[in-house]
PDB file of N, CA and C in Angstrom:
ATOM      1  N   MET A   1       0.856  -1.178   0.000  1.00  0.00           N
ATOM      2  CA  MET A   1       0.000   0.000   0.000  1.00  0.00           C
ATOM      3  C   MET A   1       0.895   1.231   0.000  1.00  0.00           C
ATOM      4  N   ASN A   2       0.547   2.213  -0.780  1.00  0.00           N
ATOM      5  CA  ASN A   2       1.232   3.485  -0.822  1.00  0.00           C
ATOM      6  C   ASN A   2       1.256   4.046   0.602  1.00  0.00           C
ATOM      7  N   ASN A   3       2.435   4.546   1.042  1.00  0.00           N
ATOM      8  CA  ASN A   3       2.494   5.017   2.419  1.00  0.00           C
ATOM      9  C   ASN A   3       1.603   6.234   2.650  1.00  0.00           C
ATOM     10  N   GLN A   4       1.131   6.899   1.576  1.00  0.00           N
ATOM     11  CA  GLN A   4       0.145   7.954   1.735  1.00  0.00           C
ATOM     12  C   GLN A   4      -1.219   7.351   2.036  1.00  0.00           C
ATOM     13  N   ASN A   5      -1.352   6.051   1.803  1.00  0.00           N
ATOM     14  CA  ASN A   5      -2.614   5.359   2.068  1.00  0.00           C
ATOM     15  C   ASN A   5      -2.525   4.493   3.318  1.00  0.00           C
ATOM     16  N   ASP A   6      -1.699   4.888   4.284  1.00  0.00           N
ATOM     17  CA  ASP A   6      -1.640   4.119   5.514  1.00  0.00           C
ATOM     18  C   ASP A   6      -2.934   4.322   6.292  1.00  0.00           C
ATOM     19  N   LEU A   7      -3.187   3.443   7.230  1.00  0.00           N
ATOM     20  CA  LEU A   7      -4.457   3.459   7.957  1.00  0.00           C
ATOM     21  C   LEU A   7      -4.713   4.803   8.632  1.00  0.00           C
ATOM     22  N   ARG A   8      -3.693   5.414   9.172  1.00  0.00           N
ATOM     23  CA  ARG A   8      -3.858   6.713   9.842  1.00  0.00           C
ATOM     24  C   ARG A   8      -4.379   7.769   8.857  1.00  0.00           C
ATOM     25  N   SER A   9      -3.792   7.806   7.673  1.00  0.00           N
ATOM     26  CA  SER A   9      -4.230   8.758   6.648  1.00  0.00           C
ATOM     27  C   SER A   9      -5.642   8.448   6.164  1.00  0.00           C
ATOM     28  N   LEU A  10      -5.934   7.163   5.987  1.00  0.00           N
ATOM     29  CA  LEU A  10      -7.275   6.760   5.552  1.00  0.00           C
ATOM     30  C   LEU A  10      -8.326   7.148   6.588  1.00  0.00           C
ATOM     31  N   LYS A  11      -7.989   7.011   7.865  1.00  0.00           N
ATOM     32  CA  LYS A  11      -8.917   7.417   8.933  1.00  0.00           C
ATOM     33  C   LYS A  11      -9.165   8.921   8.891  1.00  0.00           C
ATOM     34  N   GLN A  12      -8.109   9.696   8.651  1.00  0.00           N
ATOM     35  CA  GLN A  12      -8.275  11.149   8.567  1.00  0.00           C
ATOM     36  C   GLN A  12      -9.210  11.525   7.427  1.00  0.00           C
ATOM     37  N   ILE A  13      -9.047  10.873   6.285  1.00  0.00           N
ATOM     38  CA  ILE A  13      -9.934  11.133   5.151  1.00  0.00           C
ATOM     39  C   ILE A  13     -11.357  10.714   5.492  1.00  0.00           C
ATOM     40  N   TYR A  14     -11.498   9.549   6.114  1.00  0.00           N
ATOM     41  CA  TYR A  14     -12.834   9.063   6.498  1.00  0.00           C
ATOM     42  C   TYR A  14     -13.524  10.087   7.403  1.00  0.00           C
ATOM     43  N   TYR A  15     -12.834  10.561   8.435  1.00  0.00           N
ATOM     44  CA  TYR A  15     -13.459  11.484   9.380  1.00  0.00           C
ATOM     45  C   TYR A  15     -13.710  12.853   8.744  1.00  0.00           C
ATOM     46  N   PHE A  16     -12.880  13.250   7.798  1.00  0.00           N
ATOM     47  CA  PHE A  16     -13.138  14.481   7.051  1.00  0.00           C
ATOM     48  C   PHE A  16     -14.449  14.344   6.268  1.00  0.00           C
ATOM     49  N   VAL A  17     -14.577  13.257   5.518  1.00  0.00           N
ATOM     50  CA  VAL A  17     -15.792  13.031   4.725  1.00  0.00           C
ATOM     51  C   VAL A  17     -16.998  12.895   5.652  1.00  0.00           C
ATOM     52  N   ASP A  18     -16.832  12.188   6.757  1.00  0.00           N
ATOM     53  CA  ASP A  18     -17.921  11.978   7.700  1.00  0.00           C
ATOM     54  C   ASP A  18     -18.409  13.289   8.319  1.00  0.00           C
ATOM     55  N   SER A  19     -17.575  14.319   8.308  1.00  0.00           N
ATOM     56  CA  SER A  19     -17.960  15.606   8.905  1.00  0.00           C
ATOM     57  C   SER A  19     -18.603  16.566   7.902  1.00  0.00           C
ATOM     58  N   LEU A  20     -18.689  16.183   6.635  1.00  0.00           N
ATOM     59  CA  LEU A  20     -19.285  17.071   5.636  1.00  0.00           C
ATOM     60  C   LEU A  20     -20.753  17.339   5.964  1.00  0.00           C
ATOM     61  N   PRO A  21     -21.191  18.589   5.906  1.00  0.00           N
ATOM     62  CA  PRO A  21     -22.574  18.914   6.277  1.00  0.00           C
ATOM     63  C   PRO A  21     -23.616  18.207   5.408  1.00  0.00           C
ATOM     64  N   GLU A  22     -23.289  17.937   4.159  1.00  0.00           N
ATOM     65  CA  GLU A  22     -24.261  17.294   3.265  1.00  0.00           C
ATOM     66  C   GLU A  22     -24.295  15.777   3.412  1.00  0.00           C
ATOM     67  N   LEU A  23     -23.419  15.208   4.211  1.00  0.00           N
ATOM     68  CA  LEU A  23     -23.302  13.756   4.319  1.00  0.00           C
ATOM     69  C   LEU A  23     -24.622  13.052   4.666  1.00  0.00           C
ATOM     70  N   PRO A  24     -25.407  13.521   5.607  1.00  0.00           N
ATOM     71  CA  PRO A  24     -26.656  12.808   5.931  1.00  0.00           C
ATOM     72  C   PRO A  24     -27.621  12.666   4.745  1.00  0.00           C
ATOM     73  N   LYS A  25     -27.494  13.541   3.768  1.00  0.00           N
ATOM     74  CA  LYS A  25     -28.383  13.504   2.601  1.00  0.00           C
ATOM     75  C   LYS A  25     -27.893  12.536   1.524  1.00  0.00           C
ATOM     76  N   LEU A  26     -26.658  12.051   1.651  1.00  0.00           N
ATOM     77  CA  LEU A  26     -26.058  11.211   0.613  1.00  0.00           C
ATOM     78  C   LEU A  26     -26.350   9.732   0.836  1.00  0.00           C
ATOM     79  N   THR A  27     -26.389   8.984  -0.251  1.00  0.00           N
ATOM     80  CA  THR A  27     -26.505   7.525  -0.173  1.00  0.00           C
ATOM     81  C   THR A  27     -25.142   6.957   0.212  1.00  0.00           C
ATOM     82  N   ASP A  28     -25.106   5.692   0.604  1.00  0.00           N
ATOM     83  CA  ASP A  28     -23.820   5.050   0.902  1.00  0.00           C
ATOM     84  C   ASP A  28     -22.895   5.071  -0.319  1.00  0.00           C
ATOM     85  N   PHE A  29     -23.462   4.863  -1.502  1.00  0.00           N
ATOM     86  CA  PHE A  29     -22.662   4.922  -2.726  1.00  0.00           C
ATOM     87  C   PHE A  29     -22.001   6.295  -2.852  1.00  0.00           C
ATOM     88  N   ASP A  30     -22.776   7.363  -2.662  1.00  0.00           N
ATOM     89  CA  ASP A  30     -22.244   8.716  -2.780  1.00  0.00           C
ATOM     90  C   ASP A  30     -21.210   9.025  -1.695  1.00  0.00           C
ATOM     91  N   LYS A  31     -21.415   8.504  -0.507  1.00  0.00           N
ATOM     92  CA  LYS A  31     -20.434   8.685   0.568  1.00  0.00           C
ATOM     93  C   LYS A  31     -19.122   8.006   0.201  1.00  0.00           C
ATOM     94  N   THR A  32     -19.220   6.816  -0.370  1.00  0.00           N
ATOM     95  CA  THR A  32     -18.018   6.087  -0.797  1.00  0.00           C
ATOM     96  C   THR A  32     -17.312   6.859  -1.907  1.00  0.00           C
ATOM     97  N   VAL A  33     -18.069   7.399  -2.830  1.00  0.00           N
ATOM     98  CA  VAL A  33     -17.487   8.206  -3.911  1.00  0.00           C
ATOM     99  C   VAL A  33     -16.762   9.417  -3.325  1.00  0.00           C
ATOM    100  N   GLU A  34     -17.378  10.098  -2.374  1.00  0.00           N
ATOM    101  CA  GLU A  34     -16.733  11.255  -1.747  1.00  0.00           C
ATOM    102  C   GLU A  34     -15.451  10.852  -1.030  1.00  0.00           C
ATOM    103  N   PHE A  35     -15.460   9.684  -0.392  1.00  0.00           N
ATOM    104  CA  PHE A  35     -14.245   9.201   0.265  1.00  0.00           C
ATOM    105  C   PHE A  35     -13.124   9.043  -0.764  1.00  0.00           C
ATOM    106  N   PHE A  36     -13.405   8.348  -1.861  1.00  0.00           N
ATOM    107  CA  PHE A  36     -12.364   8.122  -2.863  1.00  0.00           C
ATOM    108  C   PHE A  36     -12.013   9.395  -3.626  1.00  0.00           C
ATOM    109  N   ARG A  37     -12.945  10.310  -3.769  1.00  0.00           N
ATOM    110  CA  ARG A  37     -12.633  11.611  -4.388  1.00  0.00           C
ATOM    111  C   ARG A  37     -11.597  12.342  -3.522  1.00  0.00           C
ATOM    112  N   SER A  38     -11.759  12.251  -2.206  1.00  0.00           N
ATOM    113  CA  SER A  38     -10.812  12.888  -1.279  1.00  0.00           C
ATOM    114  C   SER A  38      -9.469  12.168  -1.265  1.00  0.00           C
ATOM    115  N   LEU A  39      -9.479  10.880  -1.521  1.00  0.00           N
ATOM    116  CA  LEU A  39      -8.251  10.086  -1.540  1.00  0.00           C
ATOM    117  C   LEU A  39      -7.476  10.240  -2.855  1.00  0.00           C
ATOM    118  N   HIS A  40      -8.174  10.595  -3.925  1.00  0.00           N
ATOM    119  CA  HIS A  40      -7.607  10.698  -5.273  1.00  0.00           C
ATOM    120  C   HIS A  40      -6.464  11.713  -5.325  1.00  0.00           C
ATOM    121  N   TYR A  41      -5.330  11.293  -5.923  1.00  0.00           N
ATOM    122  CA  TYR A  41      -4.170  12.170  -6.126  1.00  0.00           C
ATOM    123  C   TYR A  41      -4.181  12.624  -7.574  1.00  0.00           C
ATOM    124  N   GLY A  42      -4.453  13.877  -7.835  1.00  0.00           N
ATOM    125  CA  GLY A  42      -4.419  14.351  -9.209  1.00  0.00           C
ATOM    126  C   GLY A  42      -5.543  15.316  -9.505  1.00  0.00           C
ATOM    127  N   GLU A  43      -5.700  15.560 -10.789  1.00  0.00           N
ATOM    128  CA  GLU A  43      -6.707  16.493 -11.272  1.00  0.00           C
ATOM    129  C   GLU A  43      -8.112  15.888 -11.154  1.00  0.00           C
ATOM    130  N   ALA A  44      -9.080  16.748 -10.936  1.00  0.00           N
ATOM    131  CA  ALA A  44     -10.474  16.294 -10.849  1.00  0.00           C
ATOM    132  C   ALA A  44     -10.909  15.607 -12.139  1.00  0.00           C
ATOM    133  N   SER A  45     -10.360  16.039 -13.254  1.00  0.00           N
ATOM    134  CA  SER A  45     -10.727  15.448 -14.544  1.00  0.00           C
ATOM    135  C   SER A  45     -10.245  14.004 -14.680  1.00  0.00           C
ATOM    136  N   GLU A  46      -9.321  13.591 -13.824  1.00  0.00           N
ATOM    137  CA  GLU A  46      -8.797  12.224 -13.859  1.00  0.00           C
ATOM    138  C   GLU A  46      -9.591  11.284 -12.959  1.00  0.00           C
ATOM    139  N   PHE A  47     -10.602  11.800 -12.292  1.00  0.00           N
ATOM    140  CA  PHE A  47     -11.446  11.022 -11.392  1.00  0.00           C
ATOM    141  C   PHE A  47     -12.763  10.754 -12.105  1.00  0.00           C
ATOM    142  N   ASP A  48     -13.146   9.476 -12.223  1.00  0.00           N
ATOM    143  CA  ASP A  48     -14.352   9.128 -12.961  1.00  0.00           C
ATOM    144  C   ASP A  48     -15.163   8.096 -12.176  1.00  0.00           C
ATOM    145  N   VAL A  49     -16.468   8.284 -12.160  1.00  0.00           N
ATOM    146  CA  VAL A  49     -17.376   7.380 -11.443  1.00  0.00           C
ATOM    147  C   VAL A  49     -18.323   6.741 -12.437  1.00  0.00           C
ATOM    148  N   LYS A  50     -18.405   5.423 -12.361  1.00  0.00           N
ATOM    149  CA  LYS A  50     -19.384   4.664 -13.137  1.00  0.00           C
ATOM    150  C   LYS A  50     -20.227   3.881 -12.140  1.00  0.00           C
ATOM    151  N   VAL A  51     -21.174   3.106 -12.623  1.00  0.00           N
ATOM    152  CA  VAL A  51     -22.109   2.403 -11.742  1.00  0.00           C
ATOM    153  C   VAL A  51     -21.402   1.554 -10.688  1.00  0.00           C
ATOM    154  N   ASN A  52     -20.454   0.737 -11.066  1.00  0.00           N
ATOM    155  CA  ASN A  52     -19.795  -0.165 -10.115  1.00  0.00           C
ATOM    156  C   ASN A  52     -18.297   0.045 -10.004  1.00  0.00           C
ATOM    157  N   GLN A  53     -17.802   1.218 -10.432  1.00  0.00           N
ATOM    158  CA  GLN A  53     -16.362   1.431 -10.307  1.00  0.00           C
ATOM    159  C   GLN A  53     -16.011   2.907 -10.276  1.00  0.00           C
ATOM    160  N   ILE A  54     -14.866   3.164  -9.670  1.00  0.00           N
ATOM    161  CA  ILE A  54     -14.288   4.502  -9.634  1.00  0.00           C
ATOM    162  C   ILE A  54     -12.894   4.380 -10.238  1.00  0.00           C
ATOM    163  N   THR A  55     -12.578   5.304 -11.127  1.00  0.00           N
ATOM    164  CA  THR A  55     -11.255   5.353 -11.725  1.00  0.00           C
ATOM    165  C   THR A  55     -10.581   6.633 -11.264  1.00  0.00           C
ATOM    166  N   GLY A  56      -9.331   6.494 -10.840  1.00  0.00           N
ATOM    167  CA  GLY A  56      -8.569   7.651 -10.385  1.00  0.00           C
ATOM    168  C   GLY A  56      -7.171   7.210 -10.008  1.00  0.00           C
ATOM    169  N   ASN A  57      -6.478   8.063  -9.307  1.00  0.00           N
ATOM    170  CA  ASN A  57      -5.124   7.752  -8.862  1.00  0.00           C
ATOM    171  C   ASN A  57      -5.152   7.589  -7.340  1.00  0.00           C
ATOM    172  N   PHE A  58      -5.037   6.370  -6.897  1.00  0.00           N
ATOM    173  CA  PHE A  58      -5.074   6.048  -5.467  1.00  0.00           C
ATOM    174  C   PHE A  58      -3.774   5.366  -5.062  1.00  0.00           C
ATOM    175  N   GLY A  59      -2.648   5.910  -5.515  1.00  0.00           N
ATOM    176  CA  GLY A  59      -1.363   5.246  -5.320  1.00  0.00           C
ATOM    177  C   GLY A  59      -1.165   4.238  -6.426  1.00  0.00           C
ATOM    178  N   LYS A  60      -0.896   2.992  -6.073  1.00  0.00           N
ATOM    179  CA  LYS A  60      -0.699   1.938  -7.071  1.00  0.00           C
ATOM    180  C   LYS A  60      -2.023   1.509  -7.713  1.00  0.00           C
ATOM    181  N   LYS A  61      -3.106   1.734  -7.045  1.00  0.00           N
ATOM    182  CA  LYS A  61      -4.428   1.316  -7.522  1.00  0.00           C
ATOM    183  C   LYS A  61      -5.041   2.429  -8.374  1.00  0.00           C
ATOM    184  N   LYS A  62      -5.595   2.044  -9.520  1.00  0.00           N
ATOM    185  CA  LYS A  62      -6.211   3.023 -10.418  1.00  0.00           C
ATOM    186  C   LYS A  62      -7.719   2.824 -10.566  1.00  0.00           C
ATOM    187  N   VAL A  63      -8.200   1.609 -10.305  1.00  0.00           N
ATOM    188  CA  VAL A  63      -9.624   1.303 -10.446  1.00  0.00           C
ATOM    189  C   VAL A  63     -10.119   0.657  -9.155  1.00  0.00           C
ATOM    190  N   ILE A  64     -11.211   1.178  -8.628  1.00  0.00           N
ATOM    191  CA  ILE A  64     -11.841   0.635  -7.427  1.00  0.00           C
ATOM    192  C   ILE A  64     -13.178   0.045  -7.849  1.00  0.00           C
ATOM    193  N   ILE A  65     -13.374  -1.240  -7.608  1.00  0.00           N
ATOM    194  CA  ILE A  65     -14.632  -1.916  -7.920  1.00  0.00           C
ATOM    195  C   ILE A  65     -15.557  -1.781  -6.706  1.00  0.00           C
ATOM    196  N   LEU A  66     -16.788  -1.380  -6.952  1.00  0.00           N
ATOM    197  CA  LEU A  66     -17.719  -1.064  -5.861  1.00  0.00           C
ATOM    198  C   LEU A  66     -18.847  -2.076  -5.682  1.00  0.00           C
ATOM    199  N   LYS A  67     -18.668  -3.298  -6.118  1.00  0.00           N
ATOM    200  CA  LYS A  67     -19.754  -4.284  -6.028  1.00  0.00           C
ATOM    201  C   LYS A  67     -20.077  -4.704  -4.597  1.00  0.00           C
ATOM    202  N   GLU A  68     -19.088  -4.822  -3.736  1.00  0.00           N
ATOM    203  CA  GLU A  68     -19.323  -5.305  -2.369  1.00  0.00           C
ATOM    204  C   GLU A  68     -18.894  -4.263  -1.337  1.00  0.00           C
ATOM    205  N   THR A  69     -19.300  -3.046  -1.559  1.00  0.00           N
ATOM    206  CA  THR A  69     -18.921  -1.951  -0.676  1.00  0.00           C
ATOM    207  C   THR A  69     -19.706  -2.035   0.632  1.00  0.00           C
ATOM    208  N   PRO A  70     -19.009  -2.014   1.770  1.00  0.00           N
ATOM    209  CA  PRO A  70     -19.732  -2.058   3.052  1.00  0.00           C
ATOM    210  C   PRO A  70     -20.393  -0.712   3.367  1.00  0.00           C
ATOM    211  N   ASN A  71     -21.238  -0.720   4.361  1.00  0.00           N
ATOM    212  CA  ASN A  71     -21.914   0.477   4.823  1.00  0.00           C
ATOM    213  C   ASN A  71     -20.883   1.493   5.298  1.00  0.00           C
ATOM    214  N   PHE A  72     -20.977   2.710   4.794  1.00  0.00           N
ATOM    215  CA  PHE A  72     -20.018   3.758   5.139  1.00  0.00           C
ATOM    216  C   PHE A  72     -20.044   4.089   6.629  1.00  0.00           C
ATOM    217  N   SER A  73     -21.196   3.999   7.256  1.00  0.00           N
ATOM    218  CA  SER A  73     -21.312   4.419   8.657  1.00  0.00           C
ATOM    219  C   SER A  73     -20.580   3.507   9.640  1.00  0.00           C
ATOM    220  N   ASN A  74     -20.217   2.314   9.224  1.00  0.00           N
ATOM    221  CA  ASN A  74     -19.425   1.420  10.076  1.00  0.00           C
ATOM    222  C   ASN A  74     -17.955   1.625   9.729  1.00  0.00           C
ATOM    223  N   SER A  75     -17.311   2.569  10.398  1.00  0.00           N
ATOM    224  CA  SER A  75     -15.960   2.999  10.018  1.00  0.00           C
ATOM    225  C   SER A  75     -14.939   1.862  10.011  1.00  0.00           C
ATOM    226  N   ASN A  76     -14.979   0.982  11.010  1.00  0.00           N
ATOM    227  CA  ASN A  76     -13.985  -0.102  11.063  1.00  0.00           C
ATOM    228  C   ASN A  76     -14.118  -1.055   9.878  1.00  0.00           C
ATOM    229  N   VAL A  77     -15.338  -1.443   9.579  1.00  0.00           N
ATOM    230  CA  VAL A  77     -15.572  -2.357   8.454  1.00  0.00           C
ATOM    231  C   VAL A  77     -15.248  -1.648   7.139  1.00  0.00           C
ATOM    232  N   PHE A  78     -15.699  -0.399   7.010  1.00  0.00           N
ATOM    233  CA  PHE A  78     -15.458   0.348   5.776  1.00  0.00           C
ATOM    234  C   PHE A  78     -13.956   0.529   5.539  1.00  0.00           C
ATOM    235  N   LEU A  79     -13.225   0.956   6.552  1.00  0.00           N
ATOM    236  CA  LEU A  79     -11.785   1.188   6.383  1.00  0.00           C
ATOM    237  C   LEU A  79     -11.027  -0.115   6.155  1.00  0.00           C
ATOM    238  N   SER A  80     -11.454  -1.205   6.766  1.00  0.00           N
ATOM    239  CA  SER A  80     -10.828  -2.508   6.493  1.00  0.00           C
ATOM    240  C   SER A  80     -11.016  -2.883   5.028  1.00  0.00           C
ATOM    241  N   TRP A  81     -12.211  -2.628   4.507  1.00  0.00           N
ATOM    242  CA  TRP A  81     -12.491  -2.890   3.093  1.00  0.00           C
ATOM    243  C   TRP A  81     -11.613  -2.009   2.200  1.00  0.00           C
ATOM    244  N   VAL A  82     -11.465  -0.730   2.565  1.00  0.00           N
ATOM    245  CA  VAL A  82     -10.631   0.194   1.778  1.00  0.00           C
ATOM    246  C   VAL A  82      -9.191  -0.322   1.728  1.00  0.00           C
ATOM    247  N   VAL A  83      -8.640  -0.680   2.888  1.00  0.00           N
ATOM    248  CA  VAL A  83      -7.263  -1.190   2.942  1.00  0.00           C
ATOM    249  C   VAL A  83      -7.123  -2.410   2.052  1.00  0.00           C
ATOM    250  N   LYS A  84      -8.053  -3.352   2.160  1.00  0.00           N
ATOM    251  CA  LYS A  84      -8.010  -4.567   1.343  1.00  0.00           C
ATOM    252  C   LYS A  84      -8.110  -4.224  -0.141  1.00  0.00           C
ATOM    253  N   THR A  85      -9.010  -3.310  -0.469  1.00  0.00           N
ATOM    254  CA  THR A  85      -9.215  -2.904  -1.865  1.00  0.00           C
ATOM    255  C   THR A  85      -7.965  -2.248  -2.435  1.00  0.00           C
ATOM    256  N   LEU A  86      -7.303  -1.427  -1.665  1.00  0.00           N
ATOM    257  CA  LEU A  86      -6.115  -0.726  -2.151  1.00  0.00           C
ATOM    258  C   LEU A  86      -4.895  -1.631  -2.259  1.00  0.00           C
ATOM    259  N   THR A  87      -4.908  -2.740  -1.539  1.00  0.00           N
ATOM    260  CA  THR A  87      -3.729  -3.613  -1.536  1.00  0.00           C
ATOM    261  C   THR A  87      -3.899  -4.848  -2.413  1.00  0.00           C
ATOM    262  N   ASP A  88      -5.118  -5.139  -2.867  1.00  0.00           N
ATOM    263  CA  ASP A  88      -5.346  -6.300  -3.736  1.00  0.00           C
ATOM    264  C   ASP A  88      -4.828  -6.049  -5.132  1.00  0.00           C
TER     265      ASP A  88
END
């Protein structure tokens, strides 16, 4: 895993996204998209969302598949999934 994607950094991004005022209005899918948008390294034009995937620059990982995304509100489960997704 890219050292910029260590668990401490991922938690900071998670809590940043979790504090957004519009968060309660978003679906879990949209919350996950916002998390990865915040994690993305690069230009906004290089970040793309499709039905079951996000494309961007997340260190070594460029494509995130969203078929089995856990509930965003369970931070431990969600962050464990993120770590696994970024390292697979």
